[in-house]
Amino acid sequence: MIALIFQLLHWAIQIYMMLIFIWVLMSWLPGAYQSAFGQWLTKICQPYMSWFRFIPPILGIDFSPILALLVLELCSNGLTYIEALLFGVTVYG
């Protein structure tokens, strides 16, 4: 049961990372944020992304999504480590 919870958390983090990636790619398409899907993605991604907006754009490039994705990846790795500790599995890598 606990393994299932960890697996669901991993999937949720991976799906959220994909949604953020799609949201970032939509910035290259004019008018993409005004679509129904773009508005939905903005509602989903903007609250988390706002934590990382303290990073100023450098040469017009916003690096805050990279930091946001890195934090999510670290959370995913932390879950893997905690799961390994709970179940006595050795994690390499």
N, C-alpha and C. Protein backbone atom coordinates (compact mmCIF):
# COMPACT_ATOMS: atom_id res chain seq x y z
N MET A 1 0.82 -1.19 0.00
CA MET A 1 0.00 0.00 0.00
C MET A 1 0.87 1.26 0.00
N ILE A 2 1.92 1.25 0.83
CA ILE A 2 2.80 2.41 0.87
C ILE A 2 3.55 2.55 -0.45
N ALA A 3 3.92 1.43 -1.04
CA ALA A 3 4.61 1.48 -2.34
C ALA A 3 3.71 2.10 -3.40
N LEU A 4 2.43 1.81 -3.34
CA LEU A 4 1.48 2.40 -4.28
C LEU A 4 1.40 3.91 -4.10
N ILE A 5 1.41 4.36 -2.86
CA ILE A 5 1.37 5.80 -2.58
C ILE A 5 2.62 6.48 -3.14
N PHE A 6 3.78 5.87 -2.93
CA PHE A 6 5.02 6.43 -3.48
C PHE A 6 4.97 6.47 -5.00
N GLN A 7 4.45 5.41 -5.61
CA GLN A 7 4.36 5.37 -7.07
C GLN A 7 3.42 6.46 -7.58
N LEU A 8 2.30 6.66 -6.91
CA LEU A 8 1.37 7.72 -7.32
C LEU A 8 2.01 9.10 -7.18
N LEU A 9 2.77 9.30 -6.11
CA LEU A 9 3.47 10.58 -5.94
C LEU A 9 4.51 10.80 -7.04
N HIS A 10 5.23 9.75 -7.41
CA HIS A 10 6.19 9.86 -8.51
C HIS A 10 5.48 10.23 -9.81
N TRP A 11 4.39 9.55 -10.09
CA TRP A 11 3.64 9.85 -11.31
C TRP A 11 3.11 11.28 -11.30
N ALA A 12 2.60 11.72 -10.16
CA ALA A 12 2.07 13.08 -10.05
C ALA A 12 3.17 14.11 -10.32
N ILE A 13 4.35 13.88 -9.76
CA ILE A 13 5.45 14.81 -9.99
C ILE A 13 5.86 14.80 -11.45
N GLN A 14 5.95 13.63 -12.06
CA GLN A 14 6.34 13.54 -13.47
C GLN A 14 5.32 14.21 -14.38
N ILE A 15 4.04 14.00 -14.11
CA ILE A 15 2.99 14.63 -14.91
C ILE A 15 3.05 16.15 -14.75
N TYR A 16 3.25 16.62 -13.51
CA TYR A 16 3.33 18.06 -13.28
C TYR A 16 4.55 18.65 -13.98
N MET A 17 5.65 17.93 -14.01
CA MET A 17 6.83 18.40 -14.74
C MET A 17 6.54 18.51 -16.23
N MET A 18 5.81 17.55 -16.78
CA MET A 18 5.45 17.62 -18.19
C MET A 18 4.52 18.80 -18.47
N LEU A 19 3.57 19.05 -17.56
CA LEU A 19 2.67 20.18 -17.74
C LEU A 19 3.43 21.51 -17.71
N ILE A 20 4.39 21.63 -16.81
CA ILE A 20 5.20 22.85 -16.76
C ILE A 20 6.01 23.00 -18.05
N PHE A 21 6.56 21.91 -18.55
CA PHE A 21 7.33 21.95 -19.79
C PHE A 21 6.45 22.41 -20.96
N ILE A 22 5.25 21.87 -21.04
CA ILE A 22 4.31 22.28 -22.09
C ILE A 22 3.95 23.75 -21.92
N TRP A 23 3.73 24.18 -20.68
CA TRP A 23 3.38 25.57 -20.40
C TRP A 23 4.50 26.51 -20.85
N VAL A 24 5.75 26.10 -20.62
CA VAL A 24 6.89 26.92 -21.04
C VAL A 24 6.97 26.95 -22.57
N LEU A 25 6.76 25.83 -23.22
CA LEU A 25 6.80 25.80 -24.69
C LEU A 25 5.70 26.67 -25.30
N MET A 26 4.58 26.77 -24.61
CA MET A 26 3.47 27.59 -25.12
C MET A 26 3.83 29.06 -25.17
N SER A 27 4.84 29.48 -24.43
CA SER A 27 5.24 30.89 -24.47
C SER A 27 5.83 31.27 -25.83
N TRP A 28 6.24 30.30 -26.60
CA TRP A 28 6.79 30.57 -27.92
C TRP A 28 5.69 30.72 -28.97
N LEU A 29 4.49 30.31 -28.66
CA LEU A 29 3.39 30.35 -29.62
C LEU A 29 2.49 31.55 -29.31
N PRO A 30 2.31 32.44 -30.27
CA PRO A 30 1.47 33.61 -30.00
C PRO A 30 0.01 33.20 -29.77
N GLY A 31 -0.55 33.71 -28.70
CA GLY A 31 -1.96 33.45 -28.40
C GLY A 31 -2.24 32.10 -27.77
N ALA A 32 -1.21 31.33 -27.47
CA ALA A 32 -1.45 29.99 -26.92
C ALA A 32 -2.03 30.05 -25.52
N TYR A 33 -1.64 31.06 -24.75
CA TYR A 33 -2.16 31.18 -23.38
C TYR A 33 -3.63 31.59 -23.35
N GLN A 34 -4.14 32.14 -24.45
CA GLN A 34 -5.53 32.55 -24.48
C GLN A 34 -6.49 31.41 -24.81
N SER A 35 -5.96 30.27 -25.23
CA SER A 35 -6.82 29.12 -25.50
C SER A 35 -7.33 28.54 -24.18
N ALA A 36 -8.35 27.72 -24.26
CA ALA A 36 -8.90 27.10 -23.04
C ALA A 36 -7.84 26.23 -22.36
N PHE A 37 -7.09 25.49 -23.16
CA PHE A 37 -6.03 24.64 -22.60
C PHE A 37 -4.93 25.50 -21.97
N GLY A 38 -4.57 26.60 -22.63
CA GLY A 38 -3.55 27.49 -22.09
C GLY A 38 -3.98 28.14 -20.79
N GLN A 39 -5.24 28.53 -20.69
CA GLN A 39 -5.75 29.11 -19.45
C GLN A 39 -5.76 28.07 -18.33
N TRP A 40 -6.15 26.83 -18.67
CA TRP A 40 -6.15 25.76 -17.67
C TRP A 40 -4.72 25.49 -17.18
N LEU A 41 -3.77 25.41 -18.13
CA LEU A 41 -2.37 25.17 -17.74
C LEU A 41 -1.84 26.31 -16.88
N THR A 42 -2.22 27.53 -17.20
CA THR A 42 -1.78 28.67 -16.40
C THR A 42 -2.30 28.57 -14.98
N LYS A 43 -3.56 28.17 -14.82
CA LYS A 43 -4.12 28.00 -13.48
C LYS A 43 -3.40 26.90 -12.70
N ILE A 44 -2.95 25.88 -13.40
CA ILE A 44 -2.27 24.76 -12.75
C ILE A 44 -0.81 25.10 -12.44
N CYS A 45 -0.12 25.73 -13.37
CA CYS A 45 1.33 25.93 -13.24
C CYS A 45 1.73 27.23 -12.56
N GLN A 46 0.95 28.29 -12.74
CA GLN A 46 1.35 29.61 -12.25
C GLN A 46 1.56 29.68 -10.73
N PRO A 47 0.72 29.06 -9.90
CA PRO A 47 0.98 29.16 -8.45
C PRO A 47 2.35 28.60 -8.04
N TYR A 48 2.74 27.49 -8.62
CA TYR A 48 4.05 26.92 -8.30
C TYR A 48 5.17 27.76 -8.91
N MET A 49 4.99 28.19 -10.16
CA MET A 49 6.02 28.95 -10.84
C MET A 49 6.26 30.31 -10.19
N SER A 50 5.26 30.86 -9.53
CA SER A 50 5.41 32.19 -8.92
C SER A 50 6.46 32.17 -7.80
N TRP A 51 6.72 31.02 -7.21
CA TRP A 51 7.76 30.92 -6.18
C TRP A 51 9.14 31.21 -6.75
N PHE A 52 9.32 31.00 -8.04
CA PHE A 52 10.64 31.11 -8.66
C PHE A 52 10.79 32.36 -9.52
N ARG A 53 9.85 33.27 -9.48
CA ARG A 53 9.91 34.48 -10.30
C ARG A 53 10.88 35.52 -9.76
N PHE A 54 11.54 35.24 -8.65
CA PHE A 54 12.52 36.17 -8.10
C PHE A 54 13.78 36.22 -8.96
N ILE A 55 13.95 35.24 -9.84
CA ILE A 55 15.12 35.19 -10.71
C ILE A 55 14.87 36.13 -11.89
N PRO A 56 15.68 37.17 -12.06
CA PRO A 56 15.45 38.08 -13.18
C PRO A 56 15.86 37.42 -14.50
N PRO A 57 15.15 37.73 -15.58
CA PRO A 57 15.55 37.20 -16.90
C PRO A 57 16.94 37.71 -17.29
N ILE A 58 17.72 36.84 -17.86
CA ILE A 58 19.06 37.20 -18.31
C ILE A 58 19.05 37.17 -19.83
N LEU A 59 19.34 38.32 -20.44
CA LEU A 59 19.31 38.48 -21.90
C LEU A 59 17.97 38.06 -22.48
N GLY A 60 16.90 38.33 -21.75
CA GLY A 60 15.56 38.02 -22.22
C GLY A 60 15.13 36.58 -22.02
N ILE A 61 15.95 35.79 -21.36
CA ILE A 61 15.62 34.38 -21.13
C ILE A 61 15.28 34.19 -19.66
N ASP A 62 14.11 33.62 -19.41
CA ASP A 62 13.65 33.37 -18.04
C ASP A 62 14.12 31.98 -17.60
N PHE A 63 14.98 31.95 -16.60
CA PHE A 63 15.53 30.69 -16.12
C PHE A 63 14.74 30.10 -14.95
N SER A 64 13.68 30.76 -14.53
CA SER A 64 12.91 30.25 -13.39
C SER A 64 12.26 28.89 -13.66
N PRO A 65 11.80 28.58 -14.89
CA PRO A 65 11.26 27.23 -15.11
C PRO A 65 12.30 26.13 -14.92
N ILE A 66 13.56 26.44 -15.24
CA ILE A 66 14.61 25.44 -15.06
C ILE A 66 14.78 25.13 -13.58
N LEU A 67 14.79 26.17 -12.76
CA LEU A 67 14.91 25.97 -11.32
C LEU A 67 13.69 25.24 -10.77
N ALA A 68 12.51 25.59 -11.26
CA ALA A 68 11.28 24.93 -10.80
C ALA A 68 11.30 23.44 -11.14
N LEU A 69 11.73 23.10 -12.35
CA LEU A 69 11.81 21.70 -12.74
C LEU A 69 12.90 20.97 -11.95
N LEU A 70 13.99 21.65 -11.66
CA LEU A 70 15.06 21.06 -10.86
C LEU A 70 14.57 20.73 -9.45
N VAL A 71 13.80 21.63 -8.86
CA VAL A 71 13.26 21.37 -7.52
C VAL A 71 12.32 20.17 -7.54
N LEU A 72 11.48 20.08 -8.57
CA LEU A 72 10.58 18.92 -8.67
C LEU A 72 11.37 17.63 -8.85
N GLU A 73 12.44 17.68 -9.63
CA GLU A 73 13.27 16.49 -9.82
C GLU A 73 13.94 16.09 -8.51
N LEU A 74 14.40 17.06 -7.74
CA LEU A 74 14.99 16.75 -6.44
C LEU A 74 13.96 16.14 -5.49
N CYS A 75 12.72 16.62 -5.55
CA CYS A 75 11.65 16.02 -4.74
C CYS A 75 11.41 14.58 -5.15
N SER A 76 11.42 14.33 -6.44
CA SER A 76 11.23 12.97 -6.94
C SER A 76 12.36 12.06 -6.47
N ASN A 77 13.59 12.56 -6.55
CA ASN A 77 14.73 11.77 -6.08
C ASN A 77 14.67 11.55 -4.58
N GLY A 78 14.21 12.55 -3.84
CA GLY A 78 14.05 12.40 -2.40
C GLY A 78 13.02 11.34 -2.06
N LEU A 79 11.93 11.30 -2.82
CA LEU A 79 10.93 10.26 -2.61
C LEU A 79 11.51 8.88 -2.86
N THR A 80 12.32 8.77 -3.90
CA THR A 80 12.96 7.49 -4.21
C THR A 80 13.87 7.06 -3.05
N TYR A 81 14.60 8.01 -2.50
CA TYR A 81 15.50 7.71 -1.39
C TYR A 81 14.72 7.28 -0.15
N ILE A 82 13.66 8.01 0.17
CA ILE A 82 12.83 7.66 1.33
C ILE A 82 12.19 6.29 1.14
N GLU A 83 11.72 6.04 -0.06
CA GLU A 83 11.12 4.73 -0.35
C GLU A 83 12.16 3.62 -0.17
N ALA A 84 13.38 3.86 -0.63
CA ALA A 84 14.44 2.87 -0.48
C ALA A 84 14.76 2.64 1.00
N LEU A 85 14.76 3.69 1.79
CA LEU A 85 15.02 3.53 3.22
C LEU A 85 13.91 2.74 3.91
N LEU A 86 12.68 3.01 3.53
CA LEU A 86 11.55 2.31 4.16
C LEU A 86 11.52 0.83 3.82
N PHE A 87 11.86 0.50 2.57
CA PHE A 87 11.75 -0.88 2.13
C PHE A 87 13.08 -1.62 2.12
N GLY A 88 14.15 -0.95 2.55
CA GLY A 88 15.44 -1.62 2.65
C GLY A 88 16.08 -1.93 1.32
N VAL A 89 15.79 -1.14 0.32
CA VAL A 89 16.35 -1.35 -1.01
C VAL A 89 17.54 -0.41 -1.17
N THR A 90 18.62 -0.92 -1.76
CA THR A 90 19.79 -0.09 -2.01
C THR A 90 19.58 0.66 -3.32
N VAL A 91 19.79 1.98 -3.26
CA VAL A 91 19.64 2.82 -4.45
C VAL A 91 21.01 3.30 -4.87
N TYR A 92 21.35 3.04 -6.12
CA TYR A 92 22.62 3.51 -6.68
C TYR A 92 22.31 4.57 -7.70
N GLY A 93 23.20 5.52 -7.82
CA GLY A 93 23.06 6.45 -8.91
C GLY A 93 22.80 7.82 -8.55
